[in-house]
Amino acid sequence: MFDLTENTKIEVANGKCHSPRFSPSGKYVGFIKSNRLTILEFPSKQILCQRPGIENWCWGKDDEAILYVRQNVGICKYSVNARMERPLVRASPLVRKRIVQPSFDHPVCFLLSPNGDELGLGTHDGSFYTIDVESGRFEKRLRNAELFTDLGWSATGICYHELTKASGNEEGRLWFLDLAGAKPTLVAKGSSFHSPQWLNANEIVVCKDHSDIWSYDVRTAKARCLFSFGQPGERDSSLARVNR
C-alpha cells in the first residue's frame, strides 16, 4: 500500500497478490492470492475471513458485504458477519464452457456502482454489464470493438481502458463515458494504462506505463504526474494533498 500523503509504502502481504481493495470505512483491506480472497483488519493485519476459488471481487455498500466471481458457482454476495454466501448469477455449464454469451466467468473488471445497487462487469468481448445486487438481473450498457480492460465508476460516469491495435502495434486508450447516454470521450492514448480510479468529480488517477501514477481531467484531458516508481522526474507539487 502507498500512502500518498506521507510518500511511503506499507507491506500488507507478500507474494503474488492482486486486486487489493479497502472497505468503505477503510477499516479492512482485501486482496486475492492464489485464487483465494483474504480480508484483513488494517493496520493490524488480522485475518477476518478467506474465500477460495475467487477470480475477481469488490466490497458492497458497507463493510458487511463483499461480492465476487467464484469458480464454478458464479457471481455471489457474501455476508462477512453472518459468513453466508448467496449466488446472484449462477455459472451454468454452458457459460463455463463459453458456448453462450454473456460469459461472466473471468471478468476483466468488477466493481460496485456509486449508489451500491449495481455491479459493473466488463467481459473479454469488450462489453460492459450492470447487475442488480439483489435480483441478479443484468443489462448490457456498453460494447467496444477492442479489448475492454480496467474500469472505474463514479457519479460522474465510468472511466475505462482498452487495448487496440493501431498500425499493427498495441496501443492503450483511456476513455470517459457518461452512462446517462453521451458518447465515450477519449482522454489519453499511446501509453499502457492500468487500474483507473476516480480521484474527484472531474479527475481520474491511473497507473501509466507500469512506472508512474498520473491523474487526468476527463473534461479537459489535462494530465499531471502524482507519483513515480522509476527514475526521478517531473512530479506535481500537489502530491501531498492527495488522500487515499
C-alpha atoms as a PDB file:
ATOM      1  CA  MET A   1       0.000   0.000   0.000  1.00  0.00           C
ATOM      2  CA  PHE A   2       1.252   3.514  -0.867  1.00  0.00           C
ATOM      3  CA  ASP A   3       0.468   6.444   1.412  1.00  0.00           C
ATOM      4  CA  LEU A   4       0.485   9.424  -0.939  1.00  0.00           C
ATOM      5  CA  THR A   5       0.258  11.914   1.933  1.00  0.00           C
ATOM      6  CA  GLU A   6       3.494  10.654   3.516  1.00  0.00           C
ATOM      7  CA  ASN A   7       5.128   9.335   0.320  1.00  0.00           C
ATOM      8  CA  THR A   8       5.685   5.948   1.991  1.00  0.00           C
ATOM      9  CA  LYS A   9       4.721   2.333   1.365  1.00  0.00           C
ATOM     10  CA  ILE A  10       3.457  -0.348   3.764  1.00  0.00           C
ATOM     11  CA  GLU A  11       3.625  -4.108   3.125  1.00  0.00           C
ATOM     12  CA  VAL A  12       0.222  -5.710   3.656  1.00  0.00           C
ATOM     13  CA  ALA A  13       1.105  -9.159   2.257  1.00  0.00           C
ATOM     14  CA  ASN A  14       3.916 -10.727   0.228  1.00  0.00           C
ATOM     15  CA  GLY A  15       3.926 -12.975  -2.818  1.00  0.00           C
ATOM     16  CA  LYS A  16       1.826 -12.671  -5.965  1.00  0.00           C
ATOM     17  CA  CYS A  17      -1.211 -10.746  -4.733  1.00  0.00           C
ATOM     18  CA  HIS A  18      -3.657  -8.732  -6.825  1.00  0.00           C
ATOM     19  CA  SER A  19      -6.953  -6.811  -6.682  1.00  0.00           C
ATOM     20  CA  PRO A  20      -6.363  -5.002  -3.347  1.00  0.00           C
ATOM     21  CA  ARG A  21      -9.447  -3.143  -2.051  1.00  0.00           C
ATOM     22  CA  PHE A  22     -10.094  -1.053   1.046  1.00  0.00           C
ATOM     23  CA  SER A  23     -13.513  -1.465   2.692  1.00  0.00           C
ATOM     24  CA  PRO A  24     -15.878   1.548   2.575  1.00  0.00           C
ATOM     25  CA  SER A  25     -14.883   2.538   6.126  1.00  0.00           C
ATOM     26  CA  GLY A  26     -11.172   1.948   5.493  1.00  0.00           C
ATOM     27  CA  LYS A  27     -11.050  -0.474   8.438  1.00  0.00           C
ATOM     28  CA  TYR A  28     -10.392  -3.585   6.316  1.00  0.00           C
ATOM     29  CA  VAL A  29      -8.364  -4.421   3.241  1.00  0.00           C
ATOM     30  CA  GLY A  30      -8.816  -7.410   0.955  1.00  0.00           C
ATOM     31  CA  PHE A  31      -6.747  -8.991  -1.829  1.00  0.00           C
ATOM     32  CA  ILE A  32      -6.536 -12.160  -3.922  1.00  0.00           C
ATOM     33  CA  LYS A  33      -3.607 -14.567  -3.738  1.00  0.00           C
ATOM     34  CA  SER A  34      -3.618 -17.959  -5.498  1.00  0.00           C
ATOM     35  CA  ASN A  35      -7.369 -17.579  -6.221  1.00  0.00           C
ATOM     36  CA  ARG A  36      -8.094 -17.097  -2.509  1.00  0.00           C
ATOM     37  CA  LEU A  37      -9.693 -13.884  -1.268  1.00  0.00           C
ATOM     38  CA  THR A  38      -8.338 -12.711   2.083  1.00  0.00           C
ATOM     39  CA  ILE A  39      -9.892  -9.909   4.158  1.00  0.00           C
ATOM     40  CA  LEU A  40      -7.655  -8.347   6.829  1.00  0.00           C
ATOM     41  CA  GLU A  41      -8.164  -5.772   9.532  1.00  0.00           C
ATOM     42  CA  PHE A  42      -5.969  -2.770   8.873  1.00  0.00           C
ATOM     43  CA  PRO A  43      -3.378  -1.938  10.069  1.00  0.00           C
ATOM     44  CA  SER A  44      -3.251  -4.957  12.466  1.00  0.00           C
ATOM     45  CA  LYS A  45      -3.351  -7.438   9.502  1.00  0.00           C
ATOM     46  CA  GLN A  46      -5.550  -9.834  11.499  1.00  0.00           C
ATOM     47  CA  ILE A  47      -7.466 -12.160   9.126  1.00  0.00           C
ATOM     48  CA  LEU A  48     -11.216 -11.544   9.133  1.00  0.00           C
ATOM     49  CA  CYS A  49     -12.200 -14.158   6.520  1.00  0.00           C
ATOM     50  CA  GLN A  50     -10.944 -16.084   3.493  1.00  0.00           C
ATOM     51  CA  ARG A  51     -12.846 -17.373   0.441  1.00  0.00           C
ATOM     52  CA  PRO A  52     -11.399 -19.940  -2.028  1.00  0.00           C
ATOM     53  CA  GLY A  53     -11.820 -20.022  -5.801  1.00  0.00           C
ATOM     54  CA  ILE A  54     -12.232 -16.253  -6.250  1.00  0.00           C
ATOM     55  CA  GLU A  55     -11.331 -14.634  -9.577  1.00  0.00           C
ATOM     56  CA  ASN A  56     -12.462 -11.051  -9.009  1.00  0.00           C
ATOM     57  CA  TRP A  57     -14.258  -9.151  -6.264  1.00  0.00           C
ATOM     58  CA  CYS A  58     -15.355  -5.851  -4.700  1.00  0.00           C
ATOM     59  CA  TRP A  59     -16.905  -4.515  -1.494  1.00  0.00           C
ATOM     60  CA  GLY A  60     -20.639  -3.942  -1.159  1.00  0.00           C
ATOM     61  CA  LYS A  61     -22.268  -0.783   0.221  1.00  0.00           C
ATOM     62  CA  ASP A  62     -20.551  -1.235   3.594  1.00  0.00           C
ATOM     63  CA  ASP A  63     -18.062  -3.448   5.424  1.00  0.00           C
ATOM     64  CA  GLU A  64     -20.691  -6.175   5.886  1.00  0.00           C
ATOM     65  CA  ALA A  65     -20.895  -7.443   2.286  1.00  0.00           C
ATOM     66  CA  ILE A  66     -18.459  -8.474  -0.427  1.00  0.00           C
ATOM     67  CA  LEU A  67     -19.289  -9.535  -3.978  1.00  0.00           C
ATOM     68  CA  TYR A  68     -17.151 -11.815  -6.119  1.00  0.00           C
ATOM     69  CA  VAL A  69     -16.893 -14.244  -9.025  1.00  0.00           C
ATOM     70  CA  ARG A  70     -16.363 -17.757  -7.674  1.00  0.00           C
ATOM     71  CA  GLN A  71     -15.174 -20.594  -9.899  1.00  0.00           C
ATOM     72  CA  ASN A  72     -17.970 -22.977 -10.991  1.00  0.00           C
ATOM     73  CA  VAL A  73     -20.512 -21.094  -8.859  1.00  0.00           C
ATOM     74  CA  GLY A  74     -20.992 -17.685 -10.468  1.00  0.00           C
ATOM     75  CA  ILE A  75     -21.366 -14.154  -9.144  1.00  0.00           C
ATOM     76  CA  CYS A  76     -22.031 -14.247  -5.396  1.00  0.00           C
ATOM     77  CA  LYS A  77     -22.808 -11.943  -2.494  1.00  0.00           C
ATOM     78  CA  TYR A  78     -21.150 -12.855   0.807  1.00  0.00           C
ATOM     79  CA  SER A  79     -22.095 -11.624   4.286  1.00  0.00           C
ATOM     80  CA  VAL A  80     -18.877 -11.098   6.265  1.00  0.00           C
ATOM     81  CA  ASN A  81     -20.505 -11.187   9.711  1.00  0.00           C
ATOM     82  CA  ALA A  82     -23.003 -13.993   9.038  1.00  0.00           C
ATOM     83  CA  ARG A  83     -20.463 -15.998   6.953  1.00  0.00           C
ATOM     84  CA  MET A  84     -23.169 -16.730   4.350  1.00  0.00           C
ATOM     85  CA  GLU A  85     -22.865 -16.854   0.545  1.00  0.00           C
ATOM     86  CA  ARG A  86     -25.750 -16.181  -1.861  1.00  0.00           C
ATOM     87  CA  PRO A  87     -25.360 -16.675  -5.656  1.00  0.00           C
ATOM     88  CA  LEU A  88     -26.670 -13.768  -7.757  1.00  0.00           C
ATOM     89  CA  VAL A  89     -25.896 -15.060 -11.262  1.00  0.00           C
ATOM     90  CA  ARG A  90     -25.165 -18.777 -11.424  1.00  0.00           C
ATOM     91  CA  ALA A  91     -22.476 -20.136 -13.732  1.00  0.00           C
ATOM     92  CA  SER A  92     -24.273 -22.705 -15.870  1.00  0.00           C
ATOM     93  CA  PRO A  93     -22.232 -25.466 -17.611  1.00  0.00           C
ATOM     94  CA  LEU A  94     -22.769 -23.718 -20.956  1.00  0.00           C
ATOM     95  CA  VAL A  95     -21.400 -20.432 -19.657  1.00  0.00           C
ATOM     96  CA  ARG A  96     -18.415 -22.192 -18.065  1.00  0.00           C
ATOM     97  CA  LYS A  97     -17.556 -23.686 -21.461  1.00  0.00           C
ATOM     98  CA  ARG A  98     -18.063 -20.264 -23.087  1.00  0.00           C
ATOM     99  CA  ILE A  99     -20.598 -21.630 -25.561  1.00  0.00           C
ATOM    100  CA  VAL A 100     -23.108 -18.868 -24.866  1.00  0.00           C
ATOM    101  CA  GLN A 101     -22.903 -15.159 -24.044  1.00  0.00           C
ATOM    102  CA  PRO A 102     -22.606 -13.356 -21.783  1.00  0.00           C
ATOM    103  CA  SER A 103     -19.749 -15.151 -20.046  1.00  0.00           C
ATOM    104  CA  PHE A 104     -19.141 -13.817 -16.550  1.00  0.00           C
ATOM    105  CA  ASP A 105     -16.531 -16.460 -15.663  1.00  0.00           C
ATOM    106  CA  HIS A 106     -13.389 -14.331 -15.986  1.00  0.00           C
ATOM    107  CA  PRO A 107     -14.362 -10.643 -15.946  1.00  0.00           C
ATOM    108  CA  VAL A 108     -11.688  -8.107 -16.809  1.00  0.00           C
ATOM    109  CA  CYS A 109     -13.204  -5.649 -14.313  1.00  0.00           C
ATOM    110  CA  PHE A 110     -15.654  -5.979 -11.447  1.00  0.00           C
ATOM    111  CA  LEU A 111     -16.848  -3.101  -9.238  1.00  0.00           C
ATOM    112  CA  LEU A 112     -19.799  -1.573  -7.406  1.00  0.00           C
ATOM    113  CA  SER A 113     -21.868   1.367  -8.643  1.00  0.00           C
ATOM    114  CA  PRO A 114     -21.645   4.671  -6.715  1.00  0.00           C
ATOM    115  CA  ASN A 115     -25.071   4.074  -5.097  1.00  0.00           C
ATOM    116  CA  GLY A 116     -24.217   0.459  -4.236  1.00  0.00           C
ATOM    117  CA  ASP A 117     -27.229  -1.019  -6.044  1.00  0.00           C
ATOM    118  CA  GLU A 118     -25.459  -2.467  -9.092  1.00  0.00           C
ATOM    119  CA  LEU A 119     -22.312  -4.305 -10.077  1.00  0.00           C
ATOM    120  CA  GLY A 120     -20.336  -3.197 -13.092  1.00  0.00           C
ATOM    121  CA  LEU A 121     -18.689  -6.018 -15.007  1.00  0.00           C
ATOM    122  CA  GLY A 122     -16.515  -5.981 -18.126  1.00  0.00           C
ATOM    123  CA  THR A 123     -16.162  -9.098 -20.286  1.00  0.00           C
ATOM    124  CA  HIS A 124     -13.454 -10.227 -22.693  1.00  0.00           C
ATOM    125  CA  ASP A 125     -15.611  -9.499 -25.742  1.00  0.00           C
ATOM    126  CA  GLY A 126     -15.477  -5.769 -24.929  1.00  0.00           C
ATOM    127  CA  SER A 127     -18.887  -5.481 -23.251  1.00  0.00           C
ATOM    128  CA  PHE A 128     -19.840  -3.728 -20.001  1.00  0.00           C
ATOM    129  CA  TYR A 129     -22.810  -5.070 -17.995  1.00  0.00           C
ATOM    130  CA  THR A 130     -24.620  -3.806 -14.924  1.00  0.00           C
ATOM    131  CA  ILE A 131     -26.038  -6.390 -12.495  1.00  0.00           C
ATOM    132  CA  ASP A 132     -28.594  -5.706  -9.759  1.00  0.00           C
ATOM    133  CA  VAL A 133     -27.014  -6.828  -6.456  1.00  0.00           C
ATOM    134  CA  GLU A 134     -30.357  -8.083  -5.088  1.00  0.00           C
ATOM    135  CA  SER A 135     -32.174  -9.641  -8.057  1.00  0.00           C
ATOM    136  CA  GLY A 136     -29.183 -10.621 -10.215  1.00  0.00           C
ATOM    137  CA  ARG A 137     -30.825  -9.063 -13.313  1.00  0.00           C
ATOM    138  CA  PHE A 138     -28.183  -7.894 -15.797  1.00  0.00           C
ATOM    139  CA  GLU A 139     -28.148  -5.408 -18.680  1.00  0.00           C
ATOM    140  CA  LYS A 140     -25.548  -4.624 -21.353  1.00  0.00           C
ATOM    141  CA  ARG A 141     -24.572  -0.935 -21.211  1.00  0.00           C
ATOM    142  CA  LEU A 142     -21.531  -0.649 -23.479  1.00  0.00           C
ATOM    143  CA  ARG A 143     -19.936  -2.560 -26.347  1.00  0.00           C
ATOM    144  CA  ASN A 144     -16.368  -1.899 -27.536  1.00  0.00           C
ATOM    145  CA  ALA A 145     -14.676  -3.162 -30.661  1.00  0.00           C
ATOM    146  CA  GLU A 146     -11.425  -3.657 -28.762  1.00  0.00           C
ATOM    147  CA  LEU A 147     -10.339  -5.437 -25.583  1.00  0.00           C
ATOM    148  CA  PHE A 148     -12.023  -3.876 -22.569  1.00  0.00           C
ATOM    149  CA  THR A 149      -9.771  -3.908 -19.505  1.00  0.00           C
ATOM    150  CA  ASP A 150      -9.795  -1.823 -16.308  1.00  0.00           C
ATOM    151  CA  LEU A 151     -12.673   0.414 -15.246  1.00  0.00           C
ATOM    152  CA  GLY A 152     -13.544   2.988 -12.567  1.00  0.00           C
ATOM    153  CA  TRP A 153     -17.101   4.139 -11.750  1.00  0.00           C
ATOM    154  CA  SER A 154     -18.416   7.261 -10.000  1.00  0.00           C
ATOM    155  CA  ALA A 155     -21.471   9.511 -10.072  1.00  0.00           C
ATOM    156  CA  THR A 156     -19.762  11.394 -12.935  1.00  0.00           C
ATOM    157  CA  GLY A 157     -19.603   8.282 -15.122  1.00  0.00           C
ATOM    158  CA  ILE A 158     -17.162   5.482 -15.897  1.00  0.00           C
ATOM    159  CA  CYS A 159     -13.524   5.686 -16.931  1.00  0.00           C
ATOM    160  CA  TYR A 160     -12.069   2.683 -18.677  1.00  0.00           C
ATOM    161  CA  HIS A 161      -9.009   1.427 -20.507  1.00  0.00           C
ATOM    162  CA  GLU A 162      -8.974  -0.526 -23.737  1.00  0.00           C
ATOM    163  CA  LEU A 163      -6.258  -2.056 -25.887  1.00  0.00           C
ATOM    164  CA  THR A 164      -6.344  -1.524 -29.626  1.00  0.00           C
ATOM    165  CA  LYS A 165      -4.002  -2.365 -32.486  1.00  0.00           C
ATOM    166  CA  ALA A 166      -3.013   0.810 -34.299  1.00  0.00           C
ATOM    167  CA  SER A 167      -0.775   0.293 -37.353  1.00  0.00           C
ATOM    168  CA  GLY A 168      -0.080  -3.236 -36.170  1.00  0.00           C
ATOM    169  CA  ASN A 169       1.106  -2.101 -32.733  1.00  0.00           C
ATOM    170  CA  GLU A 170      -0.762  -2.464 -29.454  1.00  0.00           C
ATOM    171  CA  GLU A 171      -1.956   0.895 -28.110  1.00  0.00           C
ATOM    172  CA  GLY A 172      -3.645   1.783 -24.854  1.00  0.00           C
ATOM    173  CA  ARG A 173      -6.541   4.233 -24.748  1.00  0.00           C
ATOM    174  CA  LEU A 174      -8.180   5.854 -21.749  1.00  0.00           C
ATOM    175  CA  TRP A 175     -11.877   6.739 -22.120  1.00  0.00           C
ATOM    176  CA  PHE A 176     -14.633   8.504 -20.186  1.00  0.00           C
ATOM    177  CA  LEU A 177     -18.338   7.643 -20.582  1.00  0.00           C
ATOM    178  CA  ASP A 178     -21.348   9.347 -19.044  1.00  0.00           C
ATOM    179  CA  LEU A 179     -23.848   6.492 -18.554  1.00  0.00           C
ATOM    180  CA  ALA A 180     -26.697   8.979 -18.999  1.00  0.00           C
ATOM    181  CA  GLY A 181     -26.259   8.489 -22.735  1.00  0.00           C
ATOM    182  CA  ALA A 182     -23.370  10.593 -24.038  1.00  0.00           C
ATOM    183  CA  LYS A 183     -20.799   9.070 -26.403  1.00  0.00           C
ATOM    184  CA  PRO A 184     -17.421   7.990 -24.950  1.00  0.00           C
ATOM    185  CA  THR A 185     -14.742  10.705 -24.777  1.00  0.00           C
ATOM    186  CA  LEU A 186     -11.099   9.862 -25.471  1.00  0.00           C
ATOM    187  CA  VAL A 187      -8.976  11.169 -22.581  1.00  0.00           C
ATOM    188  CA  ALA A 188      -5.479   9.846 -23.449  1.00  0.00           C
ATOM    189  CA  LYS A 189      -3.806   7.294 -25.736  1.00  0.00           C
ATOM    190  CA  GLY A 190      -0.474   5.773 -26.655  1.00  0.00           C
ATOM    191  CA  SER A 191       0.578   4.519 -23.231  1.00  0.00           C
ATOM    192  CA  SER A 192      -0.066   1.443 -21.128  1.00  0.00           C
ATOM    193  CA  PHE A 193      -2.735   2.354 -18.549  1.00  0.00           C
ATOM    194  CA  HIS A 194      -3.867   0.261 -15.586  1.00  0.00           C
ATOM    195  CA  SER A 195      -6.381   0.472 -12.728  1.00  0.00           C
ATOM    196  CA  PRO A 196      -8.139   3.788 -13.469  1.00  0.00           C
ATOM    197  CA  GLN A 197      -9.987   5.162 -10.431  1.00  0.00           C
ATOM    198  CA  TRP A 198     -11.786   8.417  -9.668  1.00  0.00           C
ATOM    199  CA  LEU A 199      -9.772  10.966  -7.691  1.00  0.00           C
ATOM    200  CA  ASN A 200     -12.599  13.523  -7.539  1.00  0.00           C
ATOM    201  CA  ALA A 201     -15.641  14.548  -9.612  1.00  0.00           C
ATOM    202  CA  ASN A 202     -13.520  15.513 -12.643  1.00  0.00           C
ATOM    203  CA  GLU A 203     -10.209  13.648 -12.370  1.00  0.00           C
ATOM    204  CA  ILE A 204      -9.208  10.021 -12.678  1.00  0.00           C
ATOM    205  CA  VAL A 205      -5.978   8.539 -11.340  1.00  0.00           C
ATOM    206  CA  VAL A 206      -4.268   5.747 -13.266  1.00  0.00           C
ATOM    207  CA  CYS A 207      -1.036   3.732 -13.323  1.00  0.00           C
ATOM    208  CA  LYS A 208       0.799   4.648 -16.519  1.00  0.00           C
ATOM    209  CA  ASP A 209       3.474   2.552 -18.260  1.00  0.00           C
ATOM    210  CA  HIS A 210       3.913   0.386 -15.123  1.00  0.00           C
ATOM    211  CA  SER A 211       6.067   3.102 -13.548  1.00  0.00           C
ATOM    212  CA  ASP A 212       4.063   6.222 -12.657  1.00  0.00           C
ATOM    213  CA  ILE A 213       0.723   7.323 -11.206  1.00  0.00           C
ATOM    214  CA  TRP A 214      -0.953  10.095 -13.200  1.00  0.00           C
ATOM    215  CA  SER A 215      -4.211  11.988 -12.967  1.00  0.00           C
ATOM    216  CA  TYR A 216      -6.299  13.123 -15.951  1.00  0.00           C
ATOM    217  CA  ASP A 217      -9.154  15.599 -16.090  1.00  0.00           C
ATOM    218  CA  VAL A 218     -11.895  13.824 -18.062  1.00  0.00           C
ATOM    219  CA  ARG A 219     -13.323  17.121 -19.345  1.00  0.00           C
ATOM    220  CA  THR A 220     -10.094  18.850 -20.440  1.00  0.00           C
ATOM    221  CA  ALA A 221      -7.646  15.888 -20.671  1.00  0.00           C
ATOM    222  CA  LYS A 222      -5.152  17.895 -18.562  1.00  0.00           C
ATOM    223  CA  ALA A 223      -2.585  15.458 -17.098  1.00  0.00           C
ATOM    224  CA  ARG A 224      -0.276  15.612 -14.073  1.00  0.00           C
ATOM    225  CA  CYS A 225       2.187  13.109 -12.575  1.00  0.00           C
ATOM    226  CA  LEU A 226       1.440  12.276  -8.929  1.00  0.00           C
ATOM    227  CA  PHE A 227       3.992   9.587  -8.143  1.00  0.00           C
ATOM    228  CA  SER A 228       6.927   8.000  -9.965  1.00  0.00           C
ATOM    229  CA  PHE A 229       8.219   4.473  -9.282  1.00  0.00           C
ATOM    230  CA  GLY A 230      11.092   4.798 -11.733  1.00  0.00           C
ATOM    231  CA  GLN A 231      13.762   7.428 -12.255  1.00  0.00           C
ATOM    232  CA  PRO A 232      13.144  10.801 -10.568  1.00  0.00           C
ATOM    233  CA  GLY A 233      11.352  13.087 -12.954  1.00  0.00           C
ATOM    234  CA  GLU A 234       8.682  15.711 -13.139  1.00  0.00           C
ATOM    235  CA  ARG A 235       6.218  15.436 -10.251  1.00  0.00           C
ATOM    236  CA  ASP A 236       3.265  17.549  -9.273  1.00  0.00           C
ATOM    237  CA  SER A 237       3.688  19.597  -6.092  1.00  0.00           C
ATOM    238  CA  SER A 238       0.108  18.787  -5.065  1.00  0.00           C
ATOM    239  CA  LEU A 239       1.038  15.157  -4.254  1.00  0.00           C
ATOM    240  CA  ALA A 240       0.950  15.865  -0.518  1.00  0.00           C
ATOM    241  CA  ARG A 241      -2.693  16.935  -0.778  1.00  0.00           C
ATOM    242  CA  VAL A 242      -3.901  13.657  -2.314  1.00  0.00           C
ATOM    243  CA  ASN A 243      -5.757  11.414   0.121  1.00  0.00           C
ATOM    244  CA  ARG A 244      -6.157   7.645  -0.092  1.00  0.00           C
END
